[in-house]
Amino acid sequence: MITDFWAFFIAILLLTMTPGLDTALVIRNTTRGGWKDGITCSFGICCGLFVHATMSAVGLSVLLVSSAELFTAVKTIGAIYLIYLGIQSIRSTFNPYQSQNVNNVISREGQPLLLSFKEGFLSNILNPKTAVFYLALLPQFINPEYSAFAQSLLMASIHFIIAMLWQGGIALLVEKAKELMSSEKVTKRIERVTGAVLVLLGANLLVSK
């Protein structure tokens, strides 16, 4: 049904494997709460793809791109949110209470997993660059003989599967690295680095045109 399926598949594969915001967020959440936290964050990120696919199909992304004020507003909100996540991540490493056995808190309360999902989902839907990318990419592979909306959701589903597998693998690798190093000091350093990366990505989004 999709035109030039393999070209689309390769484009999405390369996009997914390119290090960026999603990778940094998954690493940060895995470092914070373990592989379940990282995979839940990835699930939230990937669910956001369907929002962008729907926007692209119904033309909302066109409005976002054509309106400088709307684009700037969404970009600013997204950038501030990323900077907030980064600062929050860095601050948590200096809080002795938060650094004590986070996994037990997750398994006992379950709330941090929901928080991780929200962080992933919001970071994705508040990123206007993803909306612009979907608007530019998806129409190239739409077959006019079939429903554009159905094809957009299908392509988002393919992206969803690829991204979940890739980011899930990253979460498991980070978790394994944590076990091998088994050092709270190393874990804090990783979280500080990923927090700093999120702040820089947010700042870059804020000043980008």
N, C-alpha and C. Protein backbone atom coordinates (compact mmCIF):
# COMPACT_ATOMS: atom_id res chain seq x y z
N MET A 1 0.83 -1.20 0.00
CA MET A 1 0.00 0.00 0.00
C MET A 1 0.87 1.26 0.00
N ILE A 2 1.99 1.23 0.74
CA ILE A 2 2.90 2.38 0.80
C ILE A 2 3.79 2.41 -0.43
N THR A 3 3.94 3.57 -1.02
CA THR A 3 4.82 3.73 -2.17
C THR A 3 6.28 3.70 -1.71
N ASP A 4 7.12 2.96 -2.46
CA ASP A 4 8.55 2.87 -2.13
C ASP A 4 8.77 2.50 -0.67
N PHE A 5 8.22 1.35 -0.28
CA PHE A 5 8.28 0.93 1.13
C PHE A 5 9.71 0.85 1.65
N TRP A 6 10.61 0.26 0.90
CA TRP A 6 11.97 0.06 1.40
C TRP A 6 12.72 1.37 1.55
N ALA A 7 12.42 2.34 0.70
CA ALA A 7 13.03 3.66 0.86
C ALA A 7 12.56 4.30 2.16
N PHE A 8 11.26 4.16 2.42
CA PHE A 8 10.70 4.66 3.68
C PHE A 8 11.32 3.94 4.87
N PHE A 9 11.45 2.62 4.77
CA PHE A 9 11.97 1.81 5.87
C PHE A 9 13.41 2.23 6.21
N ILE A 10 14.23 2.41 5.20
CA ILE A 10 15.63 2.81 5.42
C ILE A 10 15.70 4.21 6.03
N ALA A 11 14.85 5.12 5.55
CA ALA A 11 14.84 6.49 6.08
C ALA A 11 14.48 6.50 7.55
N ILE A 12 13.46 5.73 7.91
CA ILE A 12 13.02 5.67 9.31
C ILE A 12 14.06 4.96 10.17
N LEU A 13 14.69 3.93 9.62
CA LEU A 13 15.72 3.20 10.36
C LEU A 13 16.90 4.12 10.69
N LEU A 14 17.35 4.88 9.70
CA LEU A 14 18.47 5.80 9.92
C LEU A 14 18.10 6.90 10.91
N LEU A 15 16.87 7.40 10.79
CA LEU A 15 16.39 8.43 11.72
C LEU A 15 16.38 7.91 13.15
N THR A 16 15.89 6.69 13.33
CA THR A 16 15.78 6.11 14.66
C THR A 16 17.15 5.86 15.29
N MET A 17 18.11 5.42 14.49
CA MET A 17 19.42 5.04 15.01
C MET A 17 20.35 6.23 15.21
N THR A 18 19.95 7.41 14.71
CA THR A 18 20.77 8.60 14.89
C THR A 18 20.61 9.11 16.32
N PRO A 19 21.71 9.23 17.06
CA PRO A 19 21.62 9.70 18.46
C PRO A 19 21.01 11.09 18.54
N GLY A 20 20.15 11.29 19.51
CA GLY A 20 19.51 12.59 19.66
C GLY A 20 18.74 12.64 20.96
N LEU A 21 17.68 13.44 20.96
CA LEU A 21 16.87 13.66 22.15
C LEU A 21 16.31 12.34 22.71
N ASP A 22 15.72 11.51 21.84
CA ASP A 22 15.10 10.27 22.31
C ASP A 22 16.12 9.36 22.99
N THR A 23 17.29 9.23 22.38
CA THR A 23 18.35 8.40 22.96
C THR A 23 18.77 8.92 24.32
N ALA A 24 18.98 10.23 24.42
CA ALA A 24 19.41 10.84 25.68
C ALA A 24 18.36 10.63 26.77
N LEU A 25 17.08 10.76 26.41
CA LEU A 25 16.02 10.63 27.39
C LEU A 25 15.89 9.19 27.88
N VAL A 26 16.03 8.23 26.97
CA VAL A 26 15.95 6.82 27.36
C VAL A 26 17.12 6.45 28.27
N ILE A 27 18.32 6.92 27.93
CA ILE A 27 19.49 6.65 28.77
C ILE A 27 19.32 7.28 30.15
N ARG A 28 18.84 8.51 30.16
CA ARG A 28 18.64 9.22 31.43
C ARG A 28 17.64 8.48 32.32
N ASN A 29 16.51 8.03 31.75
CA ASN A 29 15.49 7.36 32.55
C ASN A 29 15.92 5.97 32.98
N THR A 30 16.69 5.27 32.13
CA THR A 30 17.21 3.96 32.52
C THR A 30 18.20 4.10 33.66
N THR A 31 19.04 5.11 33.60
CA THR A 31 19.99 5.37 34.67
C THR A 31 19.26 5.70 35.96
N ARG A 32 18.17 6.43 35.83
CA ARG A 32 17.41 6.85 37.01
C ARG A 32 16.66 5.70 37.67
N GLY A 33 16.00 4.85 36.87
CA GLY A 33 15.12 3.86 37.47
C GLY A 33 15.20 2.46 36.92
N GLY A 34 16.19 2.15 36.06
CA GLY A 34 16.31 0.80 35.54
C GLY A 34 15.68 0.63 34.17
N TRP A 35 15.79 -0.60 33.63
CA TRP A 35 15.35 -0.84 32.25
C TRP A 35 13.85 -0.64 32.05
N LYS A 36 13.05 -0.92 33.09
CA LYS A 36 11.61 -0.71 32.95
C LYS A 36 11.30 0.77 32.75
N ASP A 37 12.01 1.61 33.48
CA ASP A 37 11.83 3.05 33.34
C ASP A 37 12.21 3.50 31.94
N GLY A 38 13.35 2.98 31.43
CA GLY A 38 13.81 3.34 30.10
C GLY A 38 12.86 2.90 29.00
N ILE A 39 12.37 1.67 29.09
CA ILE A 39 11.46 1.15 28.07
C ILE A 39 10.10 1.86 28.13
N THR A 40 9.65 2.17 29.35
CA THR A 40 8.39 2.92 29.49
C THR A 40 8.52 4.30 28.87
N CYS A 41 9.68 4.93 29.06
CA CYS A 41 9.95 6.23 28.43
C CYS A 41 9.92 6.10 26.91
N SER A 42 10.54 5.04 26.39
CA SER A 42 10.54 4.78 24.95
C SER A 42 9.11 4.58 24.44
N PHE A 43 8.30 3.88 25.21
CA PHE A 43 6.90 3.65 24.83
C PHE A 43 6.15 4.98 24.72
N GLY A 44 6.42 5.89 25.66
CA GLY A 44 5.79 7.20 25.61
C GLY A 44 6.24 7.98 24.38
N ILE A 45 7.55 7.93 24.10
CA ILE A 45 8.09 8.61 22.91
C ILE A 45 7.40 8.08 21.65
N CYS A 46 7.33 6.76 21.55
CA CYS A 46 6.78 6.14 20.35
C CYS A 46 5.28 6.37 20.20
N CYS A 47 4.56 6.47 21.31
CA CYS A 47 3.13 6.78 21.22
C CYS A 47 2.93 8.18 20.64
N GLY A 48 3.88 9.07 20.90
CA GLY A 48 3.79 10.41 20.35
C GLY A 48 3.86 10.43 18.84
N LEU A 49 4.46 9.39 18.25
CA LEU A 49 4.56 9.33 16.79
C LEU A 49 3.19 9.32 16.12
N PHE A 50 2.22 8.68 16.76
CA PHE A 50 0.87 8.60 16.18
C PHE A 50 0.20 9.98 16.19
N VAL A 51 0.55 10.80 17.17
CA VAL A 51 0.02 12.16 17.21
C VAL A 51 0.54 12.94 16.00
N HIS A 52 1.86 12.83 15.73
CA HIS A 52 2.44 13.53 14.60
C HIS A 52 1.92 12.99 13.27
N ALA A 53 1.72 11.67 13.19
CA ALA A 53 1.20 11.07 11.96
C ALA A 53 -0.22 11.56 11.69
N THR A 54 -1.03 11.66 12.75
CA THR A 54 -2.40 12.15 12.61
C THR A 54 -2.41 13.61 12.18
N MET A 55 -1.54 14.41 12.82
CA MET A 55 -1.45 15.82 12.47
C MET A 55 -1.04 15.99 11.00
N SER A 56 -0.10 15.16 10.56
CA SER A 56 0.35 15.24 9.18
C SER A 56 -0.77 14.88 8.22
N ALA A 57 -1.54 13.84 8.58
CA ALA A 57 -2.60 13.35 7.70
C ALA A 57 -3.74 14.35 7.56
N VAL A 58 -4.08 15.03 8.65
CA VAL A 58 -5.23 15.95 8.60
C VAL A 58 -4.81 17.38 8.29
N GLY A 59 -3.50 17.60 8.14
CA GLY A 59 -3.04 18.91 7.71
C GLY A 59 -2.69 19.88 8.82
N LEU A 60 -2.74 19.45 10.08
CA LEU A 60 -2.41 20.34 11.19
C LEU A 60 -0.94 20.76 11.17
N SER A 61 -0.10 19.85 10.68
CA SER A 61 1.33 20.18 10.62
C SER A 61 1.59 21.31 9.64
N VAL A 62 0.74 21.40 8.60
CA VAL A 62 0.88 22.49 7.64
C VAL A 62 0.64 23.82 8.33
N LEU A 63 -0.37 23.84 9.21
CA LEU A 63 -0.67 25.05 9.97
C LEU A 63 0.50 25.41 10.88
N LEU A 64 1.09 24.38 11.51
CA LEU A 64 2.22 24.60 12.41
C LEU A 64 3.41 25.20 11.67
N VAL A 65 3.67 24.68 10.47
CA VAL A 65 4.81 25.15 9.68
C VAL A 65 4.54 26.54 9.11
N SER A 66 3.31 26.79 8.69
CA SER A 66 3.00 28.05 8.02
C SER A 66 2.84 29.21 9.00
N SER A 67 2.59 28.91 10.26
CA SER A 67 2.42 29.97 11.26
C SER A 67 3.69 30.08 12.09
N ALA A 68 4.43 31.16 11.90
CA ALA A 68 5.68 31.37 12.65
C ALA A 68 5.40 31.50 14.14
N GLU A 69 4.28 32.18 14.49
CA GLU A 69 3.95 32.37 15.90
C GLU A 69 3.64 31.05 16.58
N LEU A 70 2.85 30.20 15.91
CA LEU A 70 2.48 28.92 16.49
C LEU A 70 3.69 28.01 16.61
N PHE A 71 4.52 28.00 15.57
CA PHE A 71 5.72 27.17 15.60
C PHE A 71 6.64 27.61 16.74
N THR A 72 6.82 28.90 16.89
CA THR A 72 7.68 29.44 17.95
C THR A 72 7.13 29.09 19.33
N ALA A 73 5.81 29.16 19.48
CA ALA A 73 5.18 28.86 20.76
C ALA A 73 5.41 27.40 21.15
N VAL A 74 5.16 26.49 20.20
CA VAL A 74 5.36 25.05 20.47
C VAL A 74 6.83 24.77 20.72
N LYS A 75 7.70 25.39 19.92
CA LYS A 75 9.14 25.18 20.07
C LYS A 75 9.61 25.65 21.45
N THR A 76 9.13 26.79 21.89
CA THR A 76 9.54 27.34 23.18
C THR A 76 9.08 26.45 24.33
N ILE A 77 7.83 25.99 24.27
CA ILE A 77 7.31 25.10 25.31
C ILE A 77 8.12 23.81 25.36
N GLY A 78 8.40 23.24 24.18
CA GLY A 78 9.18 22.00 24.11
C GLY A 78 10.59 22.18 24.64
N ALA A 79 11.22 23.31 24.29
CA ALA A 79 12.59 23.58 24.74
C ALA A 79 12.65 23.75 26.25
N ILE A 80 11.70 24.51 26.80
CA ILE A 80 11.67 24.72 28.25
C ILE A 80 11.45 23.40 28.98
N TYR A 81 10.61 22.54 28.40
CA TYR A 81 10.35 21.25 29.03
C TYR A 81 11.62 20.39 29.05
N LEU A 82 12.38 20.38 27.96
CA LEU A 82 13.62 19.62 27.91
C LEU A 82 14.64 20.15 28.92
N ILE A 83 14.76 21.47 28.99
CA ILE A 83 15.68 22.08 29.94
C ILE A 83 15.27 21.74 31.37
N TYR A 84 13.96 21.75 31.63
CA TYR A 84 13.45 21.37 32.95
C TYR A 84 13.82 19.94 33.30
N LEU A 85 13.64 19.01 32.34
CA LEU A 85 13.99 17.61 32.58
C LEU A 85 15.48 17.46 32.86
N GLY A 86 16.30 18.17 32.09
CA GLY A 86 17.74 18.09 32.27
C GLY A 86 18.18 18.60 33.64
N ILE A 87 17.65 19.76 34.04
CA ILE A 87 18.00 20.33 35.34
C ILE A 87 17.51 19.43 36.47
N GLN A 88 16.31 18.90 36.30
CA GLN A 88 15.75 17.99 37.30
C GLN A 88 16.64 16.75 37.46
N SER A 89 17.12 16.24 36.34
CA SER A 89 17.99 15.06 36.36
C SER A 89 19.30 15.36 37.09
N ILE A 90 19.90 16.51 36.80
CA ILE A 90 21.16 16.89 37.44
C ILE A 90 20.96 17.11 38.93
N ARG A 91 19.89 17.80 39.29
CA ARG A 91 19.61 18.10 40.70
C ARG A 91 19.40 16.83 41.52
N SER A 92 18.77 15.82 40.90
CA SER A 92 18.47 14.59 41.64
C SER A 92 19.73 13.86 42.08
N THR A 93 20.84 14.05 41.35
CA THR A 93 22.08 13.37 41.70
C THR A 93 22.74 13.98 42.93
N PHE A 94 22.29 15.17 43.32
CA PHE A 94 22.82 15.81 44.52
C PHE A 94 21.89 15.65 45.72
N ASN A 95 20.78 14.90 45.49
CA ASN A 95 19.82 14.64 46.55
C ASN A 95 20.02 13.23 47.08
N PRO A 96 20.57 13.05 48.26
CA PRO A 96 20.87 11.71 48.78
C PRO A 96 19.63 10.85 48.95
N TYR A 97 18.46 11.47 49.18
CA TYR A 97 17.24 10.70 49.36
C TYR A 97 16.80 10.07 48.05
N GLN A 98 16.86 10.86 46.95
CA GLN A 98 16.41 10.35 45.65
C GLN A 98 17.37 9.32 45.09
N SER A 99 18.62 9.36 45.51
CA SER A 99 19.59 8.43 44.96
C SER A 99 19.57 7.07 45.63
N GLN A 100 18.77 6.90 46.69
CA GLN A 100 18.73 5.64 47.42
C GLN A 100 17.71 4.68 46.81
N ASN A 101 18.19 3.67 46.17
CA ASN A 101 17.37 2.55 45.70
C ASN A 101 16.10 2.98 44.99
N VAL A 102 16.26 3.65 43.89
CA VAL A 102 15.11 4.14 43.12
C VAL A 102 14.25 3.00 42.60
N ASN A 103 14.86 1.88 42.29
CA ASN A 103 14.11 0.74 41.76
C ASN A 103 13.06 0.25 42.74
N ASN A 104 13.37 0.29 44.05
CA ASN A 104 12.39 -0.14 45.04
C ASN A 104 11.19 0.80 45.07
N VAL A 105 11.45 2.08 44.87
CA VAL A 105 10.37 3.05 44.83
C VAL A 105 9.45 2.76 43.65
N ILE A 106 10.06 2.43 42.50
CA ILE A 106 9.28 2.14 41.30
C ILE A 106 8.41 0.91 41.50
N SER A 107 9.00 -0.17 42.03
CA SER A 107 8.26 -1.41 42.17
C SER A 107 7.17 -1.28 43.23
N ARG A 108 7.39 -0.42 44.25
CA ARG A 108 6.42 -0.30 45.34
C ARG A 108 5.26 0.61 44.96
N GLU A 109 5.55 1.71 44.27
CA GLU A 109 4.51 2.68 44.00
C GLU A 109 4.03 2.67 42.56
N GLY A 110 4.90 2.42 41.59
CA GLY A 110 4.51 2.39 40.19
C GLY A 110 4.40 3.77 39.56
N GLN A 111 4.36 4.82 40.39
CA GLN A 111 4.17 6.17 39.88
C GLN A 111 5.30 6.62 38.96
N PRO A 112 6.59 6.35 39.29
CA PRO A 112 7.66 6.81 38.39
C PRO A 112 7.55 6.26 36.97
N LEU A 113 6.97 5.07 36.79
CA LEU A 113 6.80 4.52 35.45
C LEU A 113 5.82 5.38 34.65
N LEU A 114 4.75 5.81 35.31
CA LEU A 114 3.79 6.70 34.64
C LEU A 114 4.46 8.03 34.34
N LEU A 115 5.29 8.50 35.26
CA LEU A 115 6.03 9.74 35.04
C LEU A 115 6.97 9.60 33.85
N SER A 116 7.63 8.45 33.75
CA SER A 116 8.55 8.21 32.64
C SER A 116 7.81 8.20 31.31
N PHE A 117 6.62 7.61 31.29
CA PHE A 117 5.80 7.60 30.07
C PHE A 117 5.44 9.03 29.67
N LYS A 118 5.01 9.82 30.65
CA LYS A 118 4.62 11.21 30.38
C LYS A 118 5.80 12.01 29.83
N GLU A 119 6.99 11.80 30.43
CA GLU A 119 8.17 12.53 29.98
C GLU A 119 8.50 12.21 28.53
N GLY A 120 8.44 10.92 28.17
CA GLY A 120 8.71 10.52 26.80
C GLY A 120 7.67 11.05 25.83
N PHE A 121 6.40 10.93 26.22
CA PHE A 121 5.30 11.35 25.35
C PHE A 121 5.33 12.86 25.11
N LEU A 122 5.47 13.62 26.19
CA LEU A 122 5.46 15.08 26.07
C LEU A 122 6.67 15.59 25.31
N SER A 123 7.84 14.98 25.55
CA SER A 123 9.04 15.43 24.84
C SER A 123 8.90 15.23 23.34
N ASN A 124 8.15 14.21 22.94
CA ASN A 124 7.96 13.93 21.51
C ASN A 124 6.94 14.87 20.89
N ILE A 125 5.77 14.99 21.50
CA ILE A 125 4.71 15.79 20.86
C ILE A 125 5.01 17.29 20.94
N LEU A 126 5.89 17.70 21.89
CA LEU A 126 6.24 19.11 21.99
C LEU A 126 7.45 19.48 21.16
N ASN A 127 7.94 18.51 20.37
CA ASN A 127 9.08 18.77 19.50
C ASN A 127 8.58 19.08 18.09
N PRO A 128 8.55 20.36 17.71
CA PRO A 128 8.00 20.73 16.39
C PRO A 128 8.83 20.19 15.24
N LYS A 129 10.10 19.86 15.50
CA LYS A 129 10.95 19.32 14.44
C LYS A 129 10.44 17.95 13.99
N THR A 130 9.88 17.18 14.93
CA THR A 130 9.31 15.88 14.57
C THR A 130 8.08 16.08 13.69
N ALA A 131 7.27 17.07 14.03
CA ALA A 131 6.08 17.37 13.22
C ALA A 131 6.47 17.77 11.81
N VAL A 132 7.49 18.63 11.72
CA VAL A 132 7.95 19.08 10.39
C VAL A 132 8.53 17.91 9.60
N PHE A 133 9.27 17.03 10.29
CA PHE A 133 9.86 15.87 9.63
C PHE A 133 8.77 14.96 9.07
N TYR A 134 7.75 14.70 9.87
CA TYR A 134 6.65 13.85 9.41
C TYR A 134 5.91 14.49 8.24
N LEU A 135 5.73 15.80 8.30
CA LEU A 135 5.05 16.49 7.21
C LEU A 135 5.85 16.40 5.92
N ALA A 136 7.18 16.47 6.04
CA ALA A 136 8.04 16.42 4.86
C ALA A 136 8.21 15.00 4.34
N LEU A 137 8.25 14.02 5.26
CA LEU A 137 8.57 12.64 4.87
C LEU A 137 7.36 11.83 4.42
N LEU A 138 6.35 11.78 5.26
CA LEU A 138 5.24 10.85 4.99
C LEU A 138 4.55 11.05 3.65
N PRO A 139 4.26 12.30 3.23
CA PRO A 139 3.55 12.48 1.95
C PRO A 139 4.30 11.90 0.75
N GLN A 140 5.63 11.77 0.85
CA GLN A 140 6.41 11.22 -0.26
C GLN A 140 6.09 9.75 -0.52
N PHE A 141 5.58 9.08 0.51
CA PHE A 141 5.32 7.64 0.39
C PHE A 141 3.83 7.30 0.41
N ILE A 142 2.99 8.33 0.33
CA ILE A 142 1.54 8.11 0.32
C ILE A 142 1.10 7.67 -1.07
N ASN A 143 0.39 6.57 -1.14
CA ASN A 143 -0.19 6.09 -2.39
C ASN A 143 -1.56 6.74 -2.55
N PRO A 144 -1.76 7.56 -3.58
CA PRO A 144 -3.03 8.29 -3.74
C PRO A 144 -4.24 7.40 -3.94
N GLU A 145 -4.03 6.12 -4.23
CA GLU A 145 -5.14 5.20 -4.45
C GLU A 145 -5.76 4.73 -3.14
N TYR A 146 -5.07 5.00 -2.02
CA TYR A 146 -5.56 4.53 -0.72
C TYR A 146 -5.67 5.71 0.25
N SER A 147 -6.24 5.43 1.41
CA SER A 147 -6.45 6.46 2.43
C SER A 147 -5.12 7.01 2.94
N ALA A 148 -4.97 8.34 2.87
CA ALA A 148 -3.75 8.97 3.37
C ALA A 148 -3.65 8.81 4.89
N PHE A 149 -4.77 8.88 5.58
CA PHE A 149 -4.78 8.75 7.04
C PHE A 149 -4.34 7.35 7.47
N ALA A 150 -4.89 6.32 6.80
CA ALA A 150 -4.53 4.94 7.13
C ALA A 150 -3.05 4.67 6.85
N GLN A 151 -2.57 5.21 5.74
CA GLN A 151 -1.16 5.00 5.39
C GLN A 151 -0.24 5.74 6.38
N SER A 152 -0.64 6.91 6.83
CA SER A 152 0.15 7.67 7.80
C SER A 152 0.26 6.90 9.12
N LEU A 153 -0.85 6.32 9.56
CA LEU A 153 -0.84 5.53 10.79
C LEU A 153 -0.02 4.26 10.62
N LEU A 154 -0.08 3.66 9.43
CA LEU A 154 0.71 2.47 9.15
C LEU A 154 2.20 2.79 9.23
N MET A 155 2.60 3.90 8.63
CA MET A 155 4.02 4.29 8.67
C MET A 155 4.46 4.64 10.09
N ALA A 156 3.56 5.27 10.86
CA ALA A 156 3.87 5.55 12.26
C ALA A 156 4.01 4.26 13.05
N SER A 157 3.20 3.25 12.70
CA SER A 157 3.28 1.95 13.38
C SER A 157 4.62 1.27 13.10
N ILE A 158 5.08 1.35 11.86
CA ILE A 158 6.38 0.78 11.49
C ILE A 158 7.49 1.50 12.25
N HIS A 159 7.40 2.82 12.29
CA HIS A 159 8.37 3.63 13.05
C HIS A 159 8.32 3.25 14.53
N PHE A 160 7.12 3.05 15.05
CA PHE A 160 6.91 2.66 16.45
C PHE A 160 7.67 1.38 16.77
N ILE A 161 7.51 0.36 15.93
CA ILE A 161 8.15 -0.94 16.18
C ILE A 161 9.68 -0.82 16.13
N ILE A 162 10.18 -0.12 15.10
CA ILE A 162 11.63 0.04 14.95
C ILE A 162 12.21 0.80 16.14
N ALA A 163 11.54 1.90 16.52
CA ALA A 163 12.04 2.73 17.62
C ALA A 163 11.98 1.99 18.96
N MET A 164 10.92 1.21 19.19
CA MET A 164 10.81 0.47 20.45
C MET A 164 11.91 -0.58 20.55
N LEU A 165 12.19 -1.26 19.45
CA LEU A 165 13.25 -2.27 19.45
C LEU A 165 14.61 -1.63 19.69
N TRP A 166 14.88 -0.52 19.00
CA TRP A 166 16.18 0.16 19.13
C TRP A 166 16.36 0.76 20.52
N GLN A 167 15.38 1.54 20.95
CA GLN A 167 15.49 2.20 22.24
C GLN A 167 15.39 1.21 23.39
N GLY A 168 14.60 0.15 23.21
CA GLY A 168 14.54 -0.89 24.23
C GLY A 168 15.89 -1.57 24.39
N GLY A 169 16.57 -1.80 23.26
CA GLY A 169 17.91 -2.39 23.30
C GLY A 169 18.89 -1.48 24.02
N ILE A 170 18.77 -0.16 23.79
CA ILE A 170 19.63 0.80 24.47
C ILE A 170 19.39 0.75 25.98
N ALA A 171 18.11 0.68 26.37
CA ALA A 171 17.78 0.62 27.80
C ALA A 171 18.39 -0.62 28.46
N LEU A 172 18.31 -1.76 27.78
CA LEU A 172 18.87 -3.00 28.33
C LEU A 172 20.39 -2.93 28.41
N LEU A 173 21.03 -2.32 27.41
CA LEU A 173 22.49 -2.17 27.43
C LEU A 173 22.94 -1.26 28.57
N VAL A 174 22.21 -0.16 28.77
CA VAL A 174 22.54 0.76 29.85
C VAL A 174 22.36 0.06 31.20
N GLU A 175 21.28 -0.71 31.32
CA GLU A 175 21.04 -1.45 32.57
C GLU A 175 22.17 -2.45 32.84
N LYS A 176 22.62 -3.14 31.79
CA LYS A 176 23.71 -4.10 31.94
C LYS A 176 24.99 -3.38 32.33
N ALA A 177 25.23 -2.22 31.72
CA ALA A 177 26.43 -1.44 32.06
C ALA A 177 26.39 -0.99 33.51
N LYS A 178 25.20 -0.64 34.00
CA LYS A 178 25.06 -0.24 35.41
C LYS A 178 25.41 -1.40 36.34
N GLU A 179 24.98 -2.61 35.96
CA GLU A 179 25.27 -3.79 36.78
C GLU A 179 26.76 -4.09 36.80
N LEU A 180 27.41 -3.95 35.65
CA LEU A 180 28.84 -4.25 35.56
C LEU A 180 29.66 -3.24 36.36
N MET A 181 29.24 -1.99 36.28
CA MET A 181 29.99 -0.95 37.00
C MET A 181 29.60 -0.91 38.48
N SER A 182 28.30 -1.15 38.72
CA SER A 182 27.74 -1.21 40.08
C SER A 182 28.32 -0.13 41.00
N SER A 183 28.41 1.05 40.50
CA SER A 183 28.95 2.15 41.28
C SER A 183 27.97 3.31 41.26
N GLU A 184 27.55 3.76 42.44
CA GLU A 184 26.61 4.88 42.52
C GLU A 184 27.22 6.14 41.95
N LYS A 185 28.53 6.29 42.12
CA LYS A 185 29.22 7.47 41.60
C LYS A 185 29.17 7.50 40.07
N VAL A 186 29.38 6.32 39.44
CA VAL A 186 29.33 6.25 37.97
C VAL A 186 27.91 6.51 37.48
N THR A 187 26.92 5.94 38.18
CA THR A 187 25.52 6.14 37.81
C THR A 187 25.14 7.61 37.87
N LYS A 188 25.60 8.30 38.92
CA LYS A 188 25.31 9.73 39.04
C LYS A 188 25.96 10.52 37.91
N ARG A 189 27.17 10.12 37.54
CA ARG A 189 27.85 10.83 36.46
C ARG A 189 27.11 10.67 35.14
N ILE A 190 26.63 9.45 34.89
CA ILE A 190 25.87 9.20 33.66
C ILE A 190 24.61 10.06 33.64
N GLU A 191 23.93 10.12 34.78
CA GLU A 191 22.68 10.89 34.84
C GLU A 191 22.97 12.39 34.68
N ARG A 192 24.09 12.85 35.23
CA ARG A 192 24.45 14.26 35.07
C ARG A 192 24.77 14.59 33.62
N VAL A 193 25.47 13.67 32.96
CA VAL A 193 25.82 13.89 31.56
C VAL A 193 24.57 13.93 30.69
N THR A 194 23.68 12.95 30.88
CA THR A 194 22.45 12.94 30.08
C THR A 194 21.56 14.13 30.42
N GLY A 195 21.58 14.56 31.68
CA GLY A 195 20.83 15.75 32.06
C GLY A 195 21.38 16.98 31.35
N ALA A 196 22.71 17.08 31.29
CA ALA A 196 23.35 18.20 30.59
C ALA A 196 23.03 18.17 29.10
N VAL A 197 22.99 16.96 28.52
CA VAL A 197 22.65 16.82 27.10
C VAL A 197 21.23 17.30 26.84
N LEU A 198 20.30 16.97 27.74
CA LEU A 198 18.91 17.42 27.58
C LEU A 198 18.83 18.95 27.65
N VAL A 199 19.59 19.55 28.57
CA VAL A 199 19.60 21.00 28.68
C VAL A 199 20.14 21.62 27.38
N LEU A 200 21.21 21.05 26.85
CA LEU A 200 21.80 21.57 25.60
C LEU A 200 20.86 21.40 24.42
N LEU A 201 20.17 20.24 24.36
CA LEU A 201 19.21 20.02 23.29
C LEU A 201 18.04 21.00 23.38
N GLY A 202 17.61 21.25 24.62
CA GLY A 202 16.54 22.22 24.83
C GLY A 202 16.96 23.62 24.42
N ALA A 203 18.19 24.00 24.79
CA ALA A 203 18.72 25.31 24.44
C ALA A 203 18.86 25.45 22.92
N ASN A 204 19.33 24.37 22.29
CA ASN A 204 19.48 24.38 20.83
C ASN A 204 18.12 24.52 20.14
N LEU A 205 17.11 23.83 20.67
CA LEU A 205 15.76 23.94 20.11
C LEU A 205 15.22 25.36 20.31
N LEU A 206 15.56 25.96 21.43
CA LEU A 206 15.06 27.29 21.76
C LEU A 206 15.59 28.35 20.79
N VAL A 207 16.86 28.22 20.39
CA VAL A 207 17.46 29.23 19.52
C VAL A 207 17.37 28.88 18.04
N SER A 208 16.93 27.65 17.73
CA SER A 208 16.85 27.24 16.32
C SER A 208 15.72 27.98 15.62
N LYS A 209 15.88 28.13 14.30
CA LYS A 209 14.87 28.83 13.50
C LYS A 209 14.23 27.86 12.53
